[in-house]
N, C-alpha and C. Protein backbone atom coordinates (compact mmCIF):
# COMPACT_ATOMS: atom_id res chain seq x y z
N MET A 1 -85.57 -112.95 134.11
CA MET A 1 -86.27 -112.21 135.37
C MET A 1 -85.12 -111.12 135.91
N GLY A 2 -83.73 -111.11 135.54
CA GLY A 2 -83.28 -110.28 136.07
C GLY A 2 -82.31 -110.51 137.16
N ASN A 3 -81.39 -109.84 137.37
CA ASN A 3 -80.22 -110.16 138.47
C ASN A 3 -80.32 -109.46 139.84
N VAL A 4 -79.76 -109.73 140.96
CA VAL A 4 -80.30 -108.96 142.14
C VAL A 4 -79.60 -107.33 141.90
N VAL A 5 -78.70 -106.99 141.21
CA VAL A 5 -78.45 -105.91 140.87
C VAL A 5 -79.45 -104.96 140.42
N THR A 6 -79.96 -105.74 139.49
CA THR A 6 -80.91 -104.98 138.51
C THR A 6 -82.07 -104.26 139.32
N TYR A 7 -82.59 -105.53 140.41
CA TYR A 7 -83.81 -105.39 141.25
C TYR A 7 -83.33 -104.11 142.31
N PHE A 8 -81.84 -103.93 142.81
CA PHE A 8 -81.63 -103.07 143.45
C PHE A 8 -81.56 -101.52 142.85
N VAL A 9 -80.87 -101.55 141.70
CA VAL A 9 -80.92 -100.43 140.94
C VAL A 9 -82.68 -99.88 140.54
N ALA A 10 -83.35 -100.71 140.10
CA ALA A 10 -84.78 -100.38 140.04
C ALA A 10 -85.14 -100.13 141.16
N TYR A 11 -84.99 -100.53 142.28
CA TYR A 11 -85.78 -99.94 143.65
C TYR A 11 -85.23 -98.55 143.76
N GLY A 12 -83.82 -98.45 143.70
CA GLY A 12 -83.49 -97.14 144.32
C GLY A 12 -83.72 -95.89 143.28
N GLY A 13 -83.88 -96.41 141.85
CA GLY A 13 -84.25 -95.17 141.03
C GLY A 13 -85.88 -95.01 141.15
N THR A 14 -86.43 -96.16 141.50
CA THR A 14 -87.92 -95.58 141.48
C THR A 14 -88.33 -95.18 142.86
N ALA A 15 -87.53 -95.73 144.03
CA ALA A 15 -87.94 -95.13 145.25
C ALA A 15 -87.46 -93.47 145.24
N LEU A 16 -86.43 -93.50 144.88
CA LEU A 16 -85.97 -91.81 144.78
C LEU A 16 -86.88 -90.89 144.07
N ALA A 17 -87.17 -91.44 142.84
CA ALA A 17 -88.37 -90.43 142.14
C ALA A 17 -89.46 -90.27 143.01
N PHE A 18 -90.13 -91.57 143.62
CA PHE A 18 -91.37 -91.66 144.18
C PHE A 18 -91.35 -90.65 145.47
N PHE A 19 -90.19 -90.92 146.35
CA PHE A 19 -90.32 -90.34 147.50
C PHE A 19 -90.20 -88.42 147.30
N ILE A 20 -89.12 -88.14 146.11
CA ILE A 20 -89.10 -86.57 146.02
C ILE A 20 -90.05 -86.01 145.62
N ILE A 21 -90.90 -86.75 144.38
CA ILE A 21 -92.17 -86.39 143.64
C ILE A 21 -93.19 -86.19 144.87
N ASP A 22 -93.31 -87.37 145.66
CA ASP A 22 -94.52 -87.12 146.32
C ASP A 22 -94.29 -86.39 147.64
N PHE A 23 -93.06 -86.10 148.09
CA PHE A 23 -92.72 -85.08 149.32
C PHE A 23 -93.23 -83.56 148.83
N VAL A 24 -92.68 -83.48 147.36
CA VAL A 24 -93.38 -81.95 146.95
C VAL A 24 -94.77 -81.94 147.00
N TRP A 25 -95.22 -82.84 146.39
CA TRP A 25 -96.78 -82.74 146.31
C TRP A 25 -97.48 -82.79 148.01
N LEU A 26 -97.11 -83.51 148.65
CA LEU A 26 -97.64 -83.42 149.80
C LEU A 26 -97.26 -82.35 150.36
N SER A 27 -96.18 -81.77 150.32
CA SER A 27 -95.57 -80.56 151.01
C SER A 27 -96.68 -79.33 150.59
N VAL A 28 -96.88 -79.37 149.47
CA VAL A 28 -98.00 -78.43 148.84
C VAL A 28 -99.12 -78.42 149.11
N MET A 29 -99.51 -79.76 149.01
CA MET A 29 -101.12 -79.95 148.83
C MET A 29 -101.58 -80.25 150.28
N ALA A 30 -100.82 -80.57 150.98
CA ALA A 30 -101.42 -81.13 152.40
C ALA A 30 -102.14 -80.12 153.10
N ASN A 31 -101.48 -78.89 153.33
CA ASN A 31 -102.24 -77.94 154.04
C ASN A 31 -103.40 -76.90 153.29
N SER A 32 -103.48 -77.42 151.87
CA SER A 32 -104.51 -76.74 151.27
C SER A 32 -105.38 -77.64 150.76
N PHE A 33 -105.27 -78.48 149.85
CA PHE A 33 -106.52 -79.51 149.41
C PHE A 33 -106.69 -80.36 150.23
N TYR A 34 -105.62 -81.14 150.62
CA TYR A 34 -106.25 -82.18 151.94
C TYR A 34 -106.86 -81.62 153.19
N ARG A 35 -106.44 -80.58 153.77
CA ARG A 35 -106.88 -80.40 155.11
C ARG A 35 -108.07 -79.56 154.91
N GLN A 36 -108.37 -79.14 153.77
CA GLN A 36 -109.85 -78.26 153.50
C GLN A 36 -110.78 -79.38 153.13
N ARG A 37 -110.31 -80.57 152.68
CA ARG A 37 -111.44 -81.50 152.42
C ARG A 37 -111.73 -82.65 153.37
N ILE A 38 -110.69 -83.02 153.97
CA ILE A 38 -110.42 -84.15 154.93
C ILE A 38 -109.63 -83.83 156.28
N GLY A 39 -109.41 -82.62 156.55
CA GLY A 39 -108.88 -82.35 157.71
C GLY A 39 -109.36 -82.99 159.01
N HIS A 40 -110.86 -82.89 159.18
CA HIS A 40 -111.48 -83.41 160.35
C HIS A 40 -111.13 -85.00 160.51
N LEU A 41 -110.57 -85.86 159.66
CA LEU A 41 -110.09 -86.89 159.70
C LEU A 41 -108.55 -87.13 159.94
N MET A 42 -107.94 -85.95 159.55
CA MET A 42 -106.42 -86.16 159.58
C MET A 42 -105.81 -86.30 161.28
N ALA A 43 -104.86 -87.08 161.43
CA ALA A 43 -104.25 -87.23 162.79
C ALA A 43 -103.54 -85.95 162.84
N ASP A 44 -102.96 -85.45 164.13
CA ASP A 44 -102.36 -84.52 164.57
C ASP A 44 -100.81 -84.52 163.84
N ASP A 45 -100.28 -85.85 163.98
CA ASP A 45 -98.90 -86.10 163.83
C ASP A 45 -99.10 -87.41 162.97
N MET A 46 -98.18 -87.41 161.62
CA MET A 46 -98.17 -88.48 160.86
C MET A 46 -97.50 -89.77 161.35
N ASN A 47 -98.07 -90.91 161.23
CA ASN A 47 -97.73 -92.02 161.91
C ASN A 47 -96.56 -92.40 160.61
N MET A 48 -95.13 -91.96 161.10
CA MET A 48 -94.17 -92.18 160.29
C MET A 48 -93.70 -93.85 159.82
N ALA A 49 -93.90 -94.60 160.90
CA ALA A 49 -93.64 -96.00 160.49
C ALA A 49 -94.77 -96.56 159.48
N ALA A 50 -95.72 -96.24 159.65
CA ALA A 50 -96.98 -96.64 158.81
C ALA A 50 -96.62 -96.17 157.40
N ALA A 51 -96.43 -94.71 157.38
CA ALA A 51 -96.07 -94.20 156.04
C ALA A 51 -94.79 -94.72 155.23
N GLY A 52 -93.83 -94.90 156.12
CA GLY A 52 -92.63 -95.80 155.81
C GLY A 52 -92.87 -96.84 155.39
N GLY A 53 -93.54 -97.69 155.95
CA GLY A 53 -93.78 -99.24 155.51
C GLY A 53 -94.62 -99.24 154.19
N PHE A 54 -95.63 -98.18 153.91
CA PHE A 54 -96.30 -97.89 152.53
C PHE A 54 -95.50 -97.82 151.36
N TYR A 55 -94.17 -96.68 151.73
CA TYR A 55 -93.33 -96.42 150.60
C TYR A 55 -92.78 -97.84 150.37
N LEU A 56 -92.10 -98.26 151.30
CA LEU A 56 -91.07 -99.43 151.08
C LEU A 56 -91.90 -100.32 150.29
N LEU A 57 -92.98 -100.89 150.74
CA LEU A 57 -93.75 -101.87 150.24
C LEU A 57 -94.33 -101.51 148.80
N TYR A 58 -94.72 -100.54 148.68
CA TYR A 58 -95.47 -99.80 147.30
C TYR A 58 -94.28 -99.73 146.23
N VAL A 59 -93.01 -99.47 146.45
CA VAL A 59 -92.11 -99.59 145.54
C VAL A 59 -91.89 -100.67 145.12
N VAL A 60 -91.89 -102.00 146.04
CA VAL A 60 -91.43 -103.02 145.51
C VAL A 60 -92.69 -103.69 144.46
N GLY A 61 -93.85 -103.15 144.67
CA GLY A 61 -94.84 -103.53 143.85
C GLY A 61 -94.58 -102.64 142.43
N VAL A 62 -94.28 -101.60 142.30
CA VAL A 62 -94.01 -100.83 141.25
C VAL A 62 -92.74 -101.52 140.31
N VAL A 63 -91.83 -102.14 141.37
CA VAL A 63 -90.43 -102.64 140.64
C VAL A 63 -91.01 -103.79 139.80
N VAL A 64 -91.77 -104.88 140.68
CA VAL A 64 -92.28 -106.07 140.14
C VAL A 64 -93.08 -105.92 139.00
N PHE A 65 -94.12 -104.99 139.23
CA PHE A 65 -95.24 -105.33 138.38
C PHE A 65 -95.00 -104.12 137.14
N ALA A 66 -94.15 -103.32 136.97
CA ALA A 66 -94.15 -102.36 136.07
C ALA A 66 -92.61 -101.89 135.55
N VAL A 67 -91.37 -101.96 136.37
CA VAL A 67 -90.40 -101.82 136.13
C VAL A 67 -89.53 -102.88 135.51
N MET A 68 -89.71 -104.18 135.98
CA MET A 68 -88.95 -105.45 135.39
C MET A 68 -89.74 -106.09 134.33
N PRO A 69 -91.10 -105.84 133.98
CA PRO A 69 -91.57 -106.38 132.93
C PRO A 69 -91.17 -105.55 131.40
N ALA A 70 -91.08 -104.03 131.62
CA ALA A 70 -90.67 -103.03 130.99
C ALA A 70 -89.31 -103.41 130.62
N LEU A 71 -88.44 -103.63 131.27
CA LEU A 71 -86.98 -104.03 131.11
C LEU A 71 -86.93 -105.18 130.34
N GLN A 72 -87.69 -106.07 130.68
CA GLN A 72 -87.81 -107.44 129.68
C GLN A 72 -87.98 -107.14 128.51
N SER A 73 -89.02 -106.21 128.37
CA SER A 73 -89.65 -106.00 126.99
C SER A 73 -88.76 -104.87 126.48
N GLU A 74 -87.97 -104.18 127.15
CA GLU A 74 -86.94 -103.05 126.67
C GLU A 74 -87.90 -101.88 126.03
N SER A 75 -89.01 -101.67 126.61
CA SER A 75 -90.11 -100.75 126.42
C SER A 75 -90.06 -99.56 127.72
N TRP A 76 -89.59 -98.38 127.47
CA TRP A 76 -90.07 -97.37 128.62
C TRP A 76 -91.58 -97.04 128.38
N LYS A 77 -92.18 -97.44 127.32
CA LYS A 77 -93.59 -97.23 126.88
C LYS A 77 -94.30 -98.00 128.27
N MET A 78 -93.75 -99.27 128.11
CA MET A 78 -94.51 -100.34 129.11
C MET A 78 -94.00 -100.04 130.57
N ALA A 79 -93.17 -99.20 130.93
CA ALA A 79 -92.92 -98.86 132.39
C ALA A 79 -94.04 -97.83 132.62
N LEU A 80 -94.43 -97.05 131.69
CA LEU A 80 -95.05 -95.76 131.76
C LEU A 80 -96.51 -96.23 132.09
N VAL A 81 -96.97 -97.19 131.21
CA VAL A 81 -98.37 -97.56 131.10
C VAL A 81 -98.62 -98.58 132.42
N LEU A 82 -97.64 -99.47 132.53
CA LEU A 82 -97.95 -100.45 133.59
C LEU A 82 -97.74 -100.02 135.13
N GLY A 83 -96.90 -98.84 135.21
CA GLY A 83 -96.64 -97.73 136.45
C GLY A 83 -98.23 -97.11 136.77
N GLY A 84 -98.53 -96.55 135.75
CA GLY A 84 -99.86 -95.85 135.51
C GLY A 84 -100.85 -96.78 136.02
N LEU A 85 -101.29 -97.76 135.51
CA LEU A 85 -102.31 -98.78 135.60
C LEU A 85 -102.13 -99.01 137.01
N LEU A 86 -100.89 -99.53 137.72
CA LEU A 86 -100.54 -99.87 139.12
C LEU A 86 -101.27 -98.75 140.08
N GLY A 87 -100.64 -97.87 139.65
CA GLY A 87 -101.10 -96.44 140.44
C GLY A 87 -102.66 -96.33 140.54
N LEU A 88 -103.17 -96.36 139.38
CA LEU A 88 -104.77 -96.13 139.32
C LEU A 88 -105.60 -97.37 140.14
N ILE A 89 -104.76 -98.23 140.04
CA ILE A 89 -105.54 -99.66 140.79
C ILE A 89 -105.18 -99.65 142.38
N ALA A 90 -104.13 -99.28 142.54
CA ALA A 90 -103.73 -99.02 144.20
C ALA A 90 -104.35 -97.84 144.60
N TYR A 91 -104.15 -96.72 144.28
CA TYR A 91 -104.77 -95.33 144.84
C TYR A 91 -106.39 -95.59 144.44
N GLY A 92 -107.11 -96.12 143.46
CA GLY A 92 -108.28 -96.38 143.35
C GLY A 92 -108.85 -97.21 144.32
N THR A 93 -108.16 -98.21 144.71
CA THR A 93 -108.60 -99.06 145.66
C THR A 93 -108.86 -98.32 147.18
N TYR A 94 -107.66 -97.60 147.23
CA TYR A 94 -107.77 -96.87 148.77
C TYR A 94 -109.10 -95.87 148.70
N ASP A 95 -109.15 -95.10 147.50
CA ASP A 95 -110.28 -93.93 147.39
C ASP A 95 -111.52 -94.46 147.33
N MET A 96 -111.63 -95.26 146.53
CA MET A 96 -113.20 -96.13 146.39
C MET A 96 -113.52 -96.82 147.62
N THR A 97 -112.57 -97.38 148.07
CA THR A 97 -112.90 -97.92 149.57
C THR A 97 -113.33 -96.85 150.53
N ASN A 98 -112.70 -95.92 150.58
CA ASN A 98 -113.25 -94.62 151.31
C ASN A 98 -114.29 -94.06 151.14
N LEU A 99 -114.61 -93.81 149.55
CA LEU A 99 -116.17 -93.41 149.51
C LEU A 99 -117.17 -94.60 149.71
N ALA A 100 -116.69 -95.75 149.78
CA ALA A 100 -118.10 -96.65 150.04
C ALA A 100 -118.03 -96.63 151.76
N THR A 101 -116.84 -96.56 152.45
CA THR A 101 -117.09 -96.81 153.88
C THR A 101 -117.12 -95.64 154.48
N LEU A 102 -116.45 -94.36 154.28
CA LEU A 102 -116.58 -93.29 155.13
C LEU A 102 -117.33 -92.18 154.83
N ARG A 103 -118.28 -91.80 155.70
CA ARG A 103 -119.26 -90.83 155.82
C ARG A 103 -118.86 -89.44 154.99
N ASP A 104 -117.81 -88.91 155.21
CA ASP A 104 -117.45 -87.64 154.81
C ASP A 104 -116.08 -87.69 153.65
N TRP A 105 -116.11 -88.73 153.06
CA TRP A 105 -114.89 -88.85 152.06
C TRP A 105 -115.29 -88.05 150.86
N PRO A 106 -114.93 -87.13 150.38
CA PRO A 106 -115.30 -86.02 149.24
C PRO A 106 -115.01 -86.73 147.92
N VAL A 107 -115.84 -86.67 146.75
CA VAL A 107 -115.51 -87.33 145.60
C VAL A 107 -114.51 -86.51 145.05
N SER A 108 -114.14 -85.47 145.10
CA SER A 108 -113.00 -84.46 144.62
C SER A 108 -111.98 -84.96 145.10
N MET A 109 -111.79 -85.44 146.15
CA MET A 109 -110.71 -85.98 147.11
C MET A 109 -110.13 -87.35 146.24
N ALA A 110 -111.07 -88.22 146.03
CA ALA A 110 -110.93 -89.56 145.29
C ALA A 110 -110.71 -89.32 143.89
N VAL A 111 -111.09 -88.36 143.35
CA VAL A 111 -110.61 -88.09 141.74
C VAL A 111 -109.28 -87.72 141.83
N VAL A 112 -108.85 -86.51 142.44
CA VAL A 112 -107.42 -86.04 142.62
C VAL A 112 -106.60 -87.11 143.03
N ASP A 113 -106.96 -87.72 144.14
CA ASP A 113 -106.02 -88.61 144.45
C ASP A 113 -105.27 -89.66 143.72
N MET A 114 -106.59 -90.37 142.80
CA MET A 114 -106.29 -91.45 141.93
C MET A 114 -105.67 -90.89 140.90
N ALA A 115 -106.05 -89.61 140.46
CA ALA A 115 -105.08 -89.07 139.54
C ALA A 115 -103.60 -88.91 139.78
N TRP A 116 -103.63 -88.40 141.01
CA TRP A 116 -102.10 -88.19 141.57
C TRP A 116 -101.33 -89.61 141.49
N GLY A 117 -101.91 -90.53 141.99
CA GLY A 117 -101.55 -91.95 142.32
C GLY A 117 -100.89 -92.54 140.91
N THR A 118 -101.95 -92.36 139.80
CA THR A 118 -101.57 -92.68 138.65
C THR A 118 -100.32 -91.97 137.71
N GLY A 119 -100.48 -90.67 137.85
CA GLY A 119 -99.19 -90.16 137.37
C GLY A 119 -97.78 -90.41 138.19
N LEU A 120 -98.14 -90.24 139.62
CA LEU A 120 -96.83 -90.54 140.56
C LEU A 120 -96.16 -91.86 140.14
N THR A 121 -96.91 -92.91 140.05
CA THR A 121 -96.42 -94.49 139.71
C THR A 121 -95.75 -94.48 138.65
N ALA A 122 -96.70 -93.99 137.30
CA ALA A 122 -95.94 -94.04 136.10
C ALA A 122 -95.03 -93.28 135.95
N VAL A 123 -94.45 -92.12 136.53
CA VAL A 123 -93.28 -91.56 136.68
C VAL A 123 -92.30 -92.21 137.26
N SER A 124 -92.51 -92.65 138.33
CA SER A 124 -91.66 -93.34 139.32
C SER A 124 -91.32 -94.69 138.59
N ALA A 125 -91.90 -95.29 138.13
CA ALA A 125 -91.77 -96.50 137.38
C ALA A 125 -90.60 -96.09 135.95
N LEU A 126 -91.00 -95.12 135.46
CA LEU A 126 -90.11 -94.83 134.27
C LEU A 126 -88.87 -94.41 134.89
N ALA A 127 -88.45 -93.57 136.13
CA ALA A 127 -87.45 -93.51 136.47
C ALA A 127 -86.69 -94.79 136.94
N GLY A 128 -87.05 -95.65 137.31
CA GLY A 128 -86.66 -96.95 137.69
C GLY A 128 -86.27 -97.68 136.56
N TYR A 129 -87.11 -97.63 135.61
CA TYR A 129 -86.56 -97.95 134.20
C TYR A 129 -85.25 -97.60 133.60
N PHE A 130 -85.30 -95.99 133.78
CA PHE A 130 -84.38 -95.39 133.03
C PHE A 130 -83.12 -95.62 134.01
N ALA A 131 -83.01 -95.67 135.04
CA ALA A 131 -82.06 -96.08 136.37
C ALA A 131 -81.24 -97.20 135.94
N CYS A 132 -82.06 -98.23 135.55
CA CYS A 132 -81.71 -99.73 135.14
C CYS A 132 -80.82 -99.45 133.73
N ARG A 133 -81.45 -98.99 132.72
CA ARG A 133 -80.91 -98.86 131.69
C ARG A 133 -79.43 -98.20 131.62
N ALA A 134 -79.21 -96.96 132.57
CA ALA A 134 -78.14 -96.21 132.71
C ALA A 134 -77.06 -97.02 133.62
N PHE A 135 -77.48 -97.72 134.71
CA PHE A 135 -76.52 -98.38 135.51
C PHE A 135 -76.25 -99.63 135.79
N THR A 136 -76.86 -100.62 134.92
CA THR A 136 -77.03 -102.02 134.77
C THR A 136 -76.43 -102.44 133.71
């Protein structure tokens, strides 16, 4: 199952990759793609506590469901595939629920966001995997 140090390294590597990549994405896309499609739904100021809670909790999921199984099987490919699958499921849950319940949620938003979540989570899981391989 791994020791505590392995979990901390996995969490740190995964979180660092996730935060940096998502920050760049949101910095570039927030004012163009997102604001054009769902600007009327967006808050004036981001709720940083809620955003922080998401990031902290989501990275736990990536570590538990993608990084640790990949380390146990010694397969970086498993980290990539399980991370991508988790991203598709998580972001898909959010976007498909929004499509089902919100009047003005664009299909293009759901497709792009689901693709983004899949790729972001896959790469972040891979970063956590390689951080553990390098530092534990």
